[in-house]
Structures are given as C-alpha cells and as structure tokens.
PDB file of N, CA and C in Angstrom:
ATOM      1  N   MET A   1      99.523 137.138 135.880  1.00  0.00           N
ATOM      2  CA  MET A   1      98.911 136.496 134.742  1.00  0.00           C
ATOM      3  C   MET A   1      97.406 136.573 134.897  1.00  0.00           C
ATOM      4  N   ALA A   2      96.719 136.501 133.793  1.00  0.00           N
ATOM      5  CA  ALA A   2      95.261 136.560 133.822  1.00  0.00           C
ATOM      6  C   ALA A   2      94.679 135.424 132.989  1.00  0.00           C
ATOM      7  N   THR A   3      93.467 135.024 133.347  1.00  0.00           N
ATOM      8  CA  THR A   3      92.739 134.004 132.606  1.00  0.00           C
ATOM      9  C   THR A   3      91.255 134.278 132.767  1.00  0.00           C
ATOM     10  N   THR A   4      90.418 133.448 132.176  1.00  0.00           N
ATOM     11  CA  THR A   4      88.976 133.621 132.333  1.00  0.00           C
ATOM     12  C   THR A   4      88.405 132.468 133.138  1.00  0.00           C
ATOM     13  N   LEU A   5      87.388 132.792 133.904  1.00  0.00           N
ATOM     14  CA  LEU A   5      86.683 131.852 134.759  1.00  0.00           C
ATOM     15  C   LEU A   5      85.274 131.720 134.204  1.00  0.00           C
ATOM     16  N   GLY A   6      84.787 130.510 134.016  1.00  0.00           N
ATOM     17  CA  GLY A   6      83.416 130.307 133.563  1.00  0.00           C
ATOM     18  C   GLY A   6      82.466 130.392 134.743  1.00  0.00           C
ATOM     19  N   LEU A   7      81.664 131.456 134.783  1.00  0.00           N
ATOM     20  CA  LEU A   7      80.748 131.690 135.898  1.00  0.00           C
ATOM     21  C   LEU A   7      79.476 132.316 135.357  1.00  0.00           C
ATOM     22  N   TYR A   8      78.315 131.773 135.729  1.00  0.00           N
ATOM     23  CA  TYR A   8      77.018 132.295 135.262  1.00  0.00           C
ATOM     24  C   TYR A   8      76.937 132.323 133.732  1.00  0.00           C
ATOM     25  N   ASP A   9      77.415 131.294 133.066  1.00  0.00           N
ATOM     26  CA  ASP A   9      77.411 131.234 131.596  1.00  0.00           C
ATOM     27  C   ASP A   9      78.128 132.414 130.958  1.00  0.00           C
ATOM     28  N   ALA A  10      79.114 132.957 131.636  1.00  0.00           N
ATOM     29  CA  ALA A  10      79.911 134.074 131.116  1.00  0.00           C
ATOM     30  C   ALA A  10      81.379 133.794 131.412  1.00  0.00           C
ATOM     31  N   LYS A  11      82.248 134.502 130.726  1.00  0.00           N
ATOM     32  CA  LYS A  11      83.686 134.400 130.985  1.00  0.00           C
ATOM     33  C   LYS A  11      84.111 135.620 131.779  1.00  0.00           C
ATOM     34  N   ILE A  12      84.575 135.388 133.009  1.00  0.00           N
ATOM     35  CA  ILE A  12      84.965 136.454 133.926  1.00  0.00           C
ATOM     36  C   ILE A  12      86.496 136.533 133.962  1.00  0.00           C
ATOM     37  N   PRO A  13      87.090 137.698 133.633  1.00  0.00           N
ATOM     38  CA  PRO A  13      88.549 137.810 133.700  1.00  0.00           C
ATOM     39  C   PRO A  13      89.031 137.891 135.152  1.00  0.00           C
ATOM     40  N   VAL A  14      89.997 137.047 135.479  1.00  0.00           N
ATOM     41  CA  VAL A  14      90.570 137.024 136.828  1.00  0.00           C
ATOM     42  C   VAL A  14      92.093 136.933 136.726  1.00  0.00           C
ATOM     43  N   THR A  15      92.766 137.246 137.825  1.00  0.00           N
ATOM     44  CA  THR A  15      94.220 137.141 137.891  1.00  0.00           C
ATOM     45  C   THR A  15      94.595 135.799 138.501  1.00  0.00           C
ATOM     46  N   VAL A  16      95.688 135.231 138.041  1.00  0.00           N
ATOM     47  CA  VAL A  16      96.242 134.020 138.639  1.00  0.00           C
ATOM     48  C   VAL A  16      97.358 134.482 139.559  1.00  0.00           C
ATOM     49  N   ASP A  17      97.187 134.270 140.864  1.00  0.00           N
ATOM     50  CA  ASP A  17      98.114 134.798 141.863  1.00  0.00           C
ATOM     51  C   ASP A  17      98.642 133.655 142.717  1.00  0.00           C
ATOM     52  N   SER A  18      99.817 133.142 142.381  1.00  0.00           N
ATOM     53  CA  SER A  18     100.377 132.018 143.133  1.00  0.00           C
ATOM     54  C   SER A  18     100.823 132.427 144.534  1.00  0.00           C
ATOM     55  N   GLY A  19     100.805 133.720 144.844  1.00  0.00           N
ATOM     56  CA  GLY A  19     101.154 134.191 146.181  1.00  0.00           C
ATOM     57  C   GLY A  19      99.953 134.360 147.087  1.00  0.00           C
ATOM     58  N   ALA A  20      98.747 134.265 146.540  1.00  0.00           N
ATOM     59  CA  ALA A  20      97.527 134.437 147.340  1.00  0.00           C
ATOM     60  C   ALA A  20      97.134 133.105 147.967  1.00  0.00           C
ATOM     61  N   GLU A  21      96.878 133.119 149.271  1.00  0.00           N
ATOM     62  CA  GLU A  21      96.453 131.898 149.956  1.00  0.00           C
ATOM     63  C   GLU A  21      95.028 131.528 149.585  1.00  0.00           C
ATOM     64  N   GLN A  22      94.178 132.522 149.379  1.00  0.00           N
ATOM     65  CA  GLN A  22      92.754 132.315 149.168  1.00  0.00           C
ATOM     66  C   GLN A  22      92.299 132.986 147.878  1.00  0.00           C
ATOM     67  N   SER A  23      91.483 132.279 147.105  1.00  0.00           N
ATOM     68  CA  SER A  23      90.893 132.870 145.903  1.00  0.00           C
ATOM     69  C   SER A  23      89.790 133.831 146.309  1.00  0.00           C
ATOM     70  N   ASN A  24      89.554 134.845 145.480  1.00  0.00           N
ATOM     71  CA  ASN A  24      88.473 135.783 145.772  1.00  0.00           C
ATOM     72  C   ASN A  24      87.836 136.261 144.482  1.00  0.00           C
ATOM     73  N   LEU A  25      86.586 136.685 144.584  1.00  0.00           N
ATOM     74  CA  LEU A  25      85.852 137.251 143.459  1.00  0.00           C
ATOM     75  C   LEU A  25      85.157 138.518 143.916  1.00  0.00           C
ATOM     76  N   LEU A  26      84.921 139.394 142.980  1.00  0.00           N
ATOM     77  CA  LEU A  26      84.259 140.659 143.255  1.00  0.00           C
ATOM     78  C   LEU A  26      82.936 140.409 143.976  1.00  0.00           C
ATOM     79  N   ARG A  27      82.707 141.138 145.041  1.00  0.00           N
ATOM     80  CA  ARG A  27      81.527 140.955 145.885  1.00  0.00           C
ATOM     81  C   ARG A  27      80.224 140.962 145.077  1.00  0.00           C
ATOM     82  N   THR A  28      80.116 141.853 144.108  1.00  0.00           N
ATOM     83  CA  THR A  28      78.874 141.935 143.332  1.00  0.00           C
ATOM     84  C   THR A  28      78.655 140.708 142.451  1.00  0.00           C
ATOM     85  N   LEU A  29      79.707 139.958 142.138  1.00  0.00           N
ATOM     86  CA  LEU A  29      79.559 138.742 141.339  1.00  0.00           C
ATOM     87  C   LEU A  29      79.038 137.574 142.163  1.00  0.00           C
ATOM     88  N   VAL A  30      79.346 137.548 143.453  1.00  0.00           N
ATOM     89  CA  VAL A  30      79.019 136.380 144.274  1.00  0.00           C
ATOM     90  C   VAL A  30      78.001 136.658 145.375  1.00  0.00           C
ATOM     91  N   SER A  31      77.440 137.847 145.415  1.00  0.00           N
ATOM     92  CA  SER A  31      76.559 138.228 146.533  1.00  0.00           C
ATOM     93  C   SER A  31      75.301 137.366 146.644  1.00  0.00           C
ATOM     94  N   ALA A  32      74.855 136.741 145.559  1.00  0.00           N
ATOM     95  CA  ALA A  32      73.640 135.929 145.604  1.00  0.00           C
ATOM     96  C   ALA A  32      73.918 134.469 145.958  1.00  0.00           C
ATOM     97  N   LEU A  33      75.176 134.097 146.062  1.00  0.00           N
ATOM     98  CA  LEU A  33      75.540 132.706 146.341  1.00  0.00           C
ATOM     99  C   LEU A  33      75.538 132.428 147.843  1.00  0.00           C
ATOM    100  N   PRO A  34      75.433 131.136 148.239  1.00  0.00           N
ATOM    101  CA  PRO A  34      75.393 130.788 149.663  1.00  0.00           C
ATOM    102  C   PRO A  34      76.599 131.325 150.436  1.00  0.00           C
ATOM    103  N   LYS A  35      76.311 131.958 151.576  1.00  0.00           N
ATOM    104  CA  LYS A  35      77.336 132.575 152.423  1.00  0.00           C
ATOM    105  C   LYS A  35      77.740 131.598 153.522  1.00  0.00           C
ATOM    106  N   VAL A  36      79.030 131.580 153.845  1.00  0.00           N
ATOM    107  CA  VAL A  36      79.539 130.767 154.950  1.00  0.00           C
ATOM    108  C   VAL A  36      80.248 131.693 155.934  1.00  0.00           C
ATOM    109  N   PRO A  37      80.553 131.220 157.144  1.00  0.00           N
ATOM    110  CA  PRO A  37      81.135 132.094 158.174  1.00  0.00           C
ATOM    111  C   PRO A  37      82.361 132.879 157.714  1.00  0.00           C
ATOM    112  N   ALA A  38      82.602 133.968 158.407  1.00  0.00           N
ATOM    113  CA  ALA A  38      83.711 134.870 158.085  1.00  0.00           C
ATOM    114  C   ALA A  38      85.054 134.160 158.191  1.00  0.00           C
ATOM    115  N   THR A  39      86.013 134.659 157.431  1.00  0.00           N
ATOM    116  CA  THR A  39      87.349 134.073 157.416  1.00  0.00           C
ATOM    117  C   THR A  39      88.266 134.819 158.376  1.00  0.00           C
ATOM    118  N   THR A  40      89.450 134.291 158.539  1.00  0.00           N
ATOM    119  CA  THR A  40      90.466 135.023 159.282  1.00  0.00           C
ATOM    120  C   THR A  40      91.092 136.046 158.346  1.00  0.00           C
ATOM    121  N   ARG A  41      91.960 136.889 158.870  1.00  0.00           N
ATOM    122  CA  ARG A  41      92.584 137.944 158.061  1.00  0.00           C
ATOM    123  C   ARG A  41      93.606 137.325 157.106  1.00  0.00           C
ATOM    124  N   ILE A  42      93.423 137.587 155.802  1.00  0.00           N
ATOM    125  CA  ILE A  42      94.370 137.116 154.803  1.00  0.00           C
ATOM    126  C   ILE A  42      94.679 138.249 153.841  1.00  0.00           C
ATOM    127  N   ALA A  43      95.790 138.116 153.111  1.00  0.00           N
ATOM    128  CA  ALA A  43      96.169 139.124 152.122  1.00  0.00           C
ATOM    129  C   ALA A  43      96.700 138.415 150.886  1.00  0.00           C
ATOM    130  N   ASP A  44      96.536 139.051 149.717  1.00  0.00           N
ATOM    131  CA  ASP A  44      97.075 138.468 148.499  1.00  0.00           C
ATOM    132  C   ASP A  44      98.463 139.027 148.207  1.00  0.00           C
ATOM    133  N   LEU A  45      99.020 138.647 147.073  1.00  0.00           N
ATOM    134  CA  LEU A  45     100.377 139.031 146.701  1.00  0.00           C
ATOM    135  C   LEU A  45     100.573 140.535 146.634  1.00  0.00           C
ATOM    136  N   TRP A  46      99.534 141.277 146.231  1.00  0.00           N
ATOM    137  CA  TRP A  46      99.623 142.730 146.111  1.00  0.00           C
ATOM    138  C   TRP A  46      99.339 143.439 147.423  1.00  0.00           C
ATOM    139  N   GLY A  47      99.056 142.691 148.483  1.00  0.00           N
ATOM    140  CA  GLY A  47      98.795 143.301 149.778  1.00  0.00           C
ATOM    141  C   GLY A  47      97.349 143.685 149.995  1.00  0.00           C
ATOM    142  N   ASN A  48      96.436 143.263 149.099  1.00  0.00           N
ATOM    143  CA  ASN A  48      95.017 143.540 149.299  1.00  0.00           C
ATOM    144  C   ASN A  48      94.541 142.691 150.472  1.00  0.00           C
ATOM    145  N   VAL A  49      94.111 143.344 151.538  1.00  0.00           N
ATOM    146  CA  VAL A  49      93.749 142.637 152.765  1.00  0.00           C
ATOM    147  C   VAL A  49      92.274 142.273 152.753  1.00  0.00           C
ATOM    148  N   LEU A  50      92.006 141.012 153.047  1.00  0.00           N
ATOM    149  CA  LEU A  50      90.645 140.528 153.227  1.00  0.00           C
ATOM    150  C   LEU A  50      90.506 140.272 154.722  1.00  0.00           C
ATOM    151  N   THR A  51      89.742 141.096 155.419  1.00  0.00           N
ATOM    152  CA  THR A  51      89.671 141.008 156.877  1.00  0.00           C
ATOM    153  C   THR A  51      88.649 139.978 157.327  1.00  0.00           C
ATOM    154  N   ASN A  52      88.503 139.841 158.647  1.00  0.00           N
ATOM    155  CA  ASN A  52      87.536 138.891 159.189  1.00  0.00           C
ATOM    156  C   ASN A  52      86.094 139.325 158.951  1.00  0.00           C
ATOM    157  N   LYS A  53      85.879 140.511 158.392  1.00  0.00           N
ATOM    158  CA  LYS A  53      84.535 140.944 158.026  1.00  0.00           C
ATOM    159  C   LYS A  53      84.157 140.419 156.644  1.00  0.00           C
ATOM    160  N   THR A  54      85.104 139.780 155.975  1.00  0.00           N
ATOM    161  CA  THR A  54      84.877 139.245 154.645  1.00  0.00           C
ATOM    162  C   THR A  54      84.222 137.879 154.752  1.00  0.00           C
ATOM    163  N   TYR A  55      83.155 137.665 153.997  1.00  0.00           N
ATOM    164  CA  TYR A  55      82.478 136.381 153.994  1.00  0.00           C
ATOM    165  C   TYR A  55      82.984 135.520 152.858  1.00  0.00           C
ATOM    166  N   MET A  56      82.852 134.230 153.042  1.00  0.00           N
ATOM    167  CA  MET A  56      83.181 133.275 151.998  1.00  0.00           C
ATOM    168  C   MET A  56      81.879 132.895 151.311  1.00  0.00           C
ATOM    169  N   ARG A  57      81.964 132.566 150.044  1.00  0.00           N
ATOM    170  CA  ARG A  57      80.806 132.109 149.274  1.00  0.00           C
ATOM    171  C   ARG A  57      81.148 130.778 148.624  1.00  0.00           C
ATOM    172  N   ARG A  58      80.144 129.928 148.484  1.00  0.00           N
ATOM    173  CA  ARG A  58      80.325 128.656 147.777  1.00  0.00           C
ATOM    174  C   ARG A  58      80.065 128.911 146.295  1.00  0.00           C
ATOM    175  N   VAL A  59      81.108 128.750 145.484  1.00  0.00           N
ATOM    176  CA  VAL A  59      81.027 129.087 144.065  1.00  0.00           C
ATOM    177  C   VAL A  59      81.371 127.862 143.226  1.00  0.00           C
ATOM    178  N   SER A  60      80.573 127.616 142.195  1.00  0.00           N
ATOM    179  CA  SER A  60      80.885 126.582 141.210  1.00  0.00           C
ATOM    180  C   SER A  60      81.261 127.285 139.919  1.00  0.00           C
ATOM    181  N   PHE A  61      82.378 126.894 139.322  1.00  0.00           N
ATOM    182  CA  PHE A  61      82.864 127.559 138.114  1.00  0.00           C
ATOM    183  C   PHE A  61      83.694 126.583 137.292  1.00  0.00           C
ATOM    184  N   THR A  62      84.049 127.003 136.082  1.00  0.00           N
ATOM    185  CA  THR A  62      84.973 126.226 135.266  1.00  0.00           C
ATOM    186  C   THR A  62      86.241 127.036 135.058  1.00  0.00           C
ATOM    187  N   LEU A  63      87.363 126.344 135.063  1.00  0.00           N
ATOM    188  CA  LEU A  63      88.665 126.953 134.818  1.00  0.00           C
ATOM    189  C   LEU A  63      89.370 126.071 133.806  1.00  0.00           C
ATOM    190  N   ASN A  64      89.581 126.592 132.602  1.00  0.00           N
ATOM    191  CA  ASN A  64      90.172 125.821 131.494  1.00  0.00           C
ATOM    192  C   ASN A  64      89.395 124.540 131.217  1.00  0.00           C
ATOM    193  N   GLY A  65      88.077 124.620 131.277  1.00  0.00           N
ATOM    194  CA  GLY A  65      87.237 123.472 130.973  1.00  0.00           C
ATOM    195  C   GLY A  65      87.067 122.481 132.109  1.00  0.00           C
ATOM    196  N   ILE A  66      87.757 122.684 133.227  1.00  0.00           N
ATOM    197  CA  ILE A  66      87.633 121.794 134.381  1.00  0.00           C
ATOM    198  C   ILE A  66      86.639 122.413 135.349  1.00  0.00           C
ATOM    199  N   GLU A  67      85.625 121.628 135.719  1.00  0.00           N
ATOM    200  CA  GLU A  67      84.588 122.142 136.607  1.00  0.00           C
ATOM    201  C   GLU A  67      85.021 122.021 138.066  1.00  0.00           C
ATOM    202  N   HIS A  68      84.859 123.112 138.794  1.00  0.00           N
ATOM    203  CA  HIS A  68      85.138 123.155 140.231  1.00  0.00           C
ATOM    204  C   HIS A  68      83.810 123.459 140.918  1.00  0.00           C
ATOM    205  N   ARG A  69      83.377 122.579 141.832  1.00  0.00           N
ATOM    206  CA  ARG A  69      82.076 122.753 142.485  1.00  0.00           C
ATOM    207  C   ARG A  69      82.241 123.132 143.951  1.00  0.00           C
ATOM    208  N   ASN A  70      81.391 124.065 144.381  1.00  0.00           N
ATOM    209  CA  ASN A  70      81.313 124.476 145.787  1.00  0.00           C
ATOM    210  C   ASN A  70      82.664 124.852 146.392  1.00  0.00           C
ATOM    211  N   VAL A  71      83.446 125.604 145.663  1.00  0.00           N
ATOM    212  CA  VAL A  71      84.737 126.085 146.147  1.00  0.00           C
ATOM    213  C   VAL A  71      84.488 127.300 147.041  1.00  0.00           C
ATOM    214  N   LEU A  72      85.144 127.355 148.200  1.00  0.00           N
ATOM    215  CA  LEU A  72      85.005 128.516 149.077  1.00  0.00           C
ATOM    216  C   LEU A  72      85.850 129.655 148.532  1.00  0.00           C
ATOM    217  N   VAL A  73      85.192 130.757 148.203  1.00  0.00           N
ATOM    218  CA  VAL A  73      85.847 131.922 147.612  1.00  0.00           C
ATOM    219  C   VAL A  73      85.495 133.140 148.453  1.00  0.00           C
ATOM    220  N   ALA A  74      86.486 133.961 148.755  1.00  0.00           N
ATOM    221  CA  ALA A  74      86.260 135.174 149.552  1.00  0.00           C
ATOM    222  C   ALA A  74      85.630 136.264 148.697  1.00  0.00           C
ATOM    223  N   GLU A  75      84.793 137.089 149.337  1.00  0.00           N
ATOM    224  CA  GLU A  75      84.263 138.283 148.675  1.00  0.00           C
ATOM    225  C   GLU A  75      85.360 139.337 148.667  1.00  0.00           C
ATOM    226  N   ALA A  76      85.451 140.106 147.601  1.00  0.00           N
ATOM    227  CA  ALA A  76      86.454 141.168 147.543  1.00  0.00           C
ATOM    228  C   ALA A  76      85.842 142.412 146.925  1.00  0.00           C
ATOM    229  N   ASP A  77      86.317 143.566 147.386  1.00  0.00           N
ATOM    230  CA  ASP A  77      85.916 144.823 146.767  1.00  0.00           C
ATOM    231  C   ASP A  77      86.713 145.002 145.484  1.00  0.00           C
ATOM    232  N   ALA A  78      86.225 145.842 144.591  1.00  0.00           N
ATOM    233  CA  ALA A  78      86.965 146.138 143.361  1.00  0.00           C
ATOM    234  C   ALA A  78      88.268 146.835 143.726  1.00  0.00           C
ATOM    235  N   VAL A  79      89.341 146.391 143.133  1.00  0.00           N
ATOM    236  CA  VAL A  79      90.649 146.976 143.395  1.00  0.00           C
ATOM    237  C   VAL A  79      91.129 147.634 142.118  1.00  0.00           C
ATOM    238  N   GLN A  80      91.533 148.891 142.203  1.00  0.00           N
ATOM    239  CA  GLN A  80      92.053 149.582 141.037  1.00  0.00           C
ATOM    240  C   GLN A  80      93.502 149.930 141.244  1.00  0.00           C
ATOM    241  N   GLU A  81      94.321 149.491 140.320  1.00  0.00           N
ATOM    242  CA  GLU A  81      95.748 149.778 140.386  1.00  0.00           C
ATOM    243  C   GLU A  81      96.222 150.190 139.004  1.00  0.00           C
ATOM    244  N   GLY A  82      96.656 151.408 138.856  1.00  0.00           N
ATOM    245  CA  GLY A  82      97.228 151.859 137.603  1.00  0.00           C
ATOM    246  C   GLY A  82      96.320 151.711 136.406  1.00  0.00           C
ATOM    247  N   GLY A  83      95.039 151.924 136.593  1.00  0.00           N
ATOM    248  CA  GLY A  83      94.109 151.858 135.477  1.00  0.00           C
ATOM    249  C   GLY A  83      93.545 150.487 135.184  1.00  0.00           C
ATOM    250  N   SER A  84      93.909 149.479 135.974  1.00  0.00           N
ATOM    251  CA  SER A  84      93.342 148.149 135.747  1.00  0.00           C
ATOM    252  C   SER A  84      92.515 147.727 136.952  1.00  0.00           C
ATOM    253  N   THR A  85      91.479 146.956 136.694  1.00  0.00           N
ATOM    254  CA  THR A  85      90.610 146.472 137.758  1.00  0.00           C
ATOM    255  C   THR A  85      90.595 144.959 137.717  1.00  0.00           C
ATOM    256  N   THR A  86      90.681 144.326 138.865  1.00  0.00           N
ATOM    257  CA  THR A  86      90.602 142.873 138.923  1.00  0.00           C
ATOM    258  C   THR A  86      89.204 142.465 139.381  1.00  0.00           C
ATOM    259  N   LEU A  87      88.635 141.458 138.736  1.00  0.00           N
ATOM    260  CA  LEU A  87      87.326 140.952 139.137  1.00  0.00           C
ATOM    261  C   LEU A  87      87.467 139.775 140.088  1.00  0.00           C
ATOM    262  N   GLY A  88      88.696 139.352 140.293  1.00  0.00           N
ATOM    263  CA  GLY A  88      88.942 138.255 141.212  1.00  0.00           C
ATOM    264  C   GLY A  88      90.343 137.721 141.064  1.00  0.00           C
ATOM    265  N   THR A  89      90.686 136.815 141.964  1.00  0.00           N
ATOM    266  CA  THR A  89      92.014 136.220 141.983  1.00  0.00           C
ATOM    267  C   THR A  89      91.899 134.723 142.224  1.00  0.00           C
ATOM    268  N   ILE A  90      92.606 133.946 141.429  1.00  0.00           N
ATOM    269  CA  ILE A  90      92.709 132.510 141.656  1.00  0.00           C
ATOM    270  C   ILE A  90      93.978 132.303 142.466  1.00  0.00           C
ATOM    271  N   GLY A  91      93.829 131.767 143.679  1.00  0.00           N
ATOM    272  CA  GLY A  91      94.965 131.610 144.589  1.00  0.00           C
ATOM    273  C   GLY A  91      95.375 130.162 144.787  1.00  0.00           C
ATOM    274  N   MET A  92      96.217 129.946 145.782  1.00  0.00           N
ATOM    275  CA  MET A  92      96.783 128.627 146.037  1.00  0.00           C
ATOM    276  C   MET A  92      95.761 127.606 146.523  1.00  0.00           C
ATOM    277  N   ASP A  93      94.603 128.045 147.031  1.00  0.00           N
ATOM    278  CA  ASP A  93      93.587 127.076 147.434  1.00  0.00           C
ATOM    279  C   ASP A  93      93.087 126.280 146.234  1.00  0.00           C
ATOM    280  N   ILE A  94      93.109 126.865 145.042  1.00  0.00           N
ATOM    281  CA  ILE A  94      92.714 126.163 143.819  1.00  0.00           C
ATOM    282  C   ILE A  94      93.950 125.629 143.098  1.00  0.00           C
ATOM    283  N   LEU A  95      95.008 126.430 143.049  1.00  0.00           N
ATOM    284  CA  LEU A  95      96.229 126.020 142.349  1.00  0.00           C
ATOM    285  C   LEU A  95      96.961 124.904 143.075  1.00  0.00           C
ATOM    286  N   ARG A  96      96.901 124.916 144.396  1.00  0.00           N
ATOM    287  CA  ARG A  96      97.605 123.986 145.279  1.00  0.00           C
ATOM    288  C   ARG A  96      99.073 123.918 144.905  1.00  0.00           C
ATOM    289  N   ASN A  97      99.615 122.731 144.680  1.00  0.00           N
ATOM    290  CA  ASN A  97     101.045 122.616 144.369  1.00  0.00           C
ATOM    291  C   ASN A  97     101.287 122.474 142.877  1.00  0.00           C
ATOM    292  N   ARG A  98     100.423 123.060 142.079  1.00  0.00           N
ATOM    293  CA  ARG A  98     100.542 122.919 140.634  1.00  0.00           C
ATOM    294  C   ARG A  98     101.330 124.069 140.029  1.00  0.00           C
ATOM    295  N   VAL A  99     101.954 123.799 138.920  1.00  0.00           N
ATOM    296  CA  VAL A  99     102.686 124.817 138.175  1.00  0.00           C
ATOM    297  C   VAL A  99     101.753 125.365 137.106  1.00  0.00           C
ATOM    298  N   VAL A 100     101.725 126.670 136.956  1.00  0.00           N
ATOM    299  CA  VAL A 100     100.855 127.300 135.971  1.00  0.00           C
ATOM    300  C   VAL A 100     101.678 127.644 134.736  1.00  0.00           C
ATOM    301  N   ILE A 101     101.235 127.141 133.583  1.00  0.00           N
ATOM    302  CA  ILE A 101     101.920 127.426 132.321  1.00  0.00           C
ATOM    303  C   ILE A 101     100.909 127.991 131.338  1.00  0.00           C
ATOM    304  N   LEU A 102     101.275 129.062 130.645  1.00  0.00           N
ATOM    305  CA  LEU A 102     100.425 129.654 129.613  1.00  0.00           C
ATOM    306  C   LEU A 102     100.859 129.112 128.264  1.00  0.00           C
ATOM    307  N   SER A 103      99.921 128.474 127.553  1.00  0.00           N
ATOM    308  CA  SER A 103     100.203 127.956 126.223  1.00  0.00           C
ATOM    309  C   SER A 103     100.019 129.069 125.204  1.00  0.00           C
ATOM    310  N   SER A 104     101.050 129.349 124.425  1.00  0.00           N
ATOM    311  CA  SER A 104     100.934 130.390 123.401  1.00  0.00           C
ATOM    312  C   SER A 104     100.061 129.916 122.240  1.00  0.00           C
ATOM    313  N   ASP A 105      99.897 128.600 122.086  1.00  0.00           N
ATOM    314  CA  ASP A 105      99.059 128.067 121.009  1.00  0.00           C
ATOM    315  C   ASP A 105      97.575 128.206 121.321  1.00  0.00           C
ATOM    316  N   THR A 106      97.172 127.775 122.516  1.00  0.00           N
ATOM    317  CA  THR A 106      95.747 127.775 122.867  1.00  0.00           C
ATOM    318  C   THR A 106      95.326 128.995 123.666  1.00  0.00           C
ATOM    319  N   ARG A 107      96.297 129.769 124.168  1.00  0.00           N
ATOM    320  CA  ARG A 107      96.024 130.940 125.007  1.00  0.00           C
ATOM    321  C   ARG A 107      95.279 130.540 126.279  1.00  0.00           C
ATOM    322  N   GLU A 108      95.551 129.341 126.797  1.00  0.00           N
ATOM    323  CA  GLU A 108      94.948 128.855 128.034  1.00  0.00           C
ATOM    324  C   GLU A 108      96.041 128.528 129.040  1.00  0.00           C
ATOM    325  N   PHE A 109      95.665 128.566 130.323  1.00  0.00           N
ATOM    326  CA  PHE A 109      96.577 128.161 131.377  1.00  0.00           C
ATOM    327  C   PHE A 109      96.422 126.674 131.610  1.00  0.00           C
ATOM    328  N   TYR A 110      97.528 126.023 131.857  1.00  0.00           N
ATOM    329  CA  TYR A 110      97.505 124.618 132.210  1.00  0.00           C
ATOM    330  C   TYR A 110      98.075 124.479 133.609  1.00  0.00           C
ATOM    331  N   LEU A 111      97.394 123.694 134.433  1.00  0.00           N
ATOM    332  CA  LEU A 111      97.846 123.446 135.794  1.00  0.00           C
ATOM    333  C   LEU A 111      98.534 122.087 135.808  1.00  0.00           C
ATOM    334  N   LEU A 112      99.835 122.099 135.929  1.00  0.00           N
ATOM    335  CA  LEU A 112     100.603 120.862 135.911  1.00  0.00           C
ATOM    336  C   LEU A 112     100.704 120.300 137.318  1.00  0.00           C
ATOM    337  N   VAL A 113     100.338 119.041 137.464  1.00  0.00           N
ATOM    338  CA  VAL A 113     100.340 118.374 138.760  1.00  0.00           C
ATOM    339  C   VAL A 113     101.654 117.610 138.909  1.00  0.00           C
ATOM    340  N   PRO A 114     102.288 117.655 140.099  1.00  0.00           N
ATOM    341  CA  PRO A 114     103.534 116.906 140.292  1.00  0.00           C
ATOM    342  C   PRO A 114     103.340 115.416 140.029  1.00  0.00           C
ATOM    343  N   VAL A 115     104.365 114.760 139.495  1.00  0.00           N
ATOM    344  CA  VAL A 115     104.318 113.331 139.201  1.00  0.00           C
ATOM    345  C   VAL A 115     104.289 112.556 140.508  1.00  0.00           C
ATOM    346  N   ARG A 116     103.407 111.562 140.574  1.00  0.00           N
ATOM    347  CA  ARG A 116     103.329 110.715 141.770  1.00  0.00           C
ATOM    348  C   ARG A 116     104.422 109.662 141.727  1.00  0.00           C
ATOM    349  N   LYS A 117     105.003 109.386 142.882  1.00  0.00           N
ATOM    350  CA  LYS A 117     106.021 108.333 142.959  1.00  0.00           C
ATOM    351  C   LYS A 117     105.326 106.982 142.974  1.00  0.00           C
ATOM    352  N   LEU A 118     105.882 106.049 142.219  1.00  0.00           N
ATOM    353  CA  LEU A 118     105.289 104.706 142.139  1.00  0.00           C
ATOM    354  C   LEU A 118     105.740 103.824 143.260  1.00  0.00           C
TER     355      LEU A 118
END
C-alpha cells in the first residue's frame, strides 16, 4: 500500500510496509537532517537490506494529518522494482500494533489502535 508523507511542505509518496521493522526515507530527502549513530542490520518486507553503514536521521513529518516529531528514520538508497521507485517506507516503528485501513471515501490510511481494557 502507498500513502503520502508531509515533509518539507510537500507530499512525499511512501509505501506502508507492516513487515518492515524500521521506517526509511530516500537518502537525498533526509541528508540535511540531524544524523544519529549507525543502526544494526535490518531488512524490510521486500528484502531491501539496510546495513550498519546506514545512518538514522531525526525526521519530523505528518501522516494523515497527525504530526510525528523527531522520529528516527533510516537512510535508504532508491530502490527500483519493475518500473516503480519507492521514496521511503513506513514500518512497524511508526505503525506499532495498529491496523492500517484505506478509506475509499477519503483515500487516506487510518491507523486503528487496539481498544484498551478498562
């Protein structure tokens, strides 16, 4: 699934990947943002490997109108598969235990949070 991320006053198309442990954005989009120490080796659902040479960046963005501040996001190279390019991936670090539903009316993703027990 794909959605848009509000970043730098622009809408950036990204993939929603519930199999990815870590969110990532194209290196050229986040290269000017604050860098934090390298991560351990991780891979997303498609097997794109982010090695320990990959740096994390602190990124503030909006997703479906909800502001996320200083989220650690991995740098990623452009990946081309079958004529499509991804500018980034929203992974489980942002999705956590939420269910992702696409509304056909609003064309937006909704992150449903599990009901808390009283």
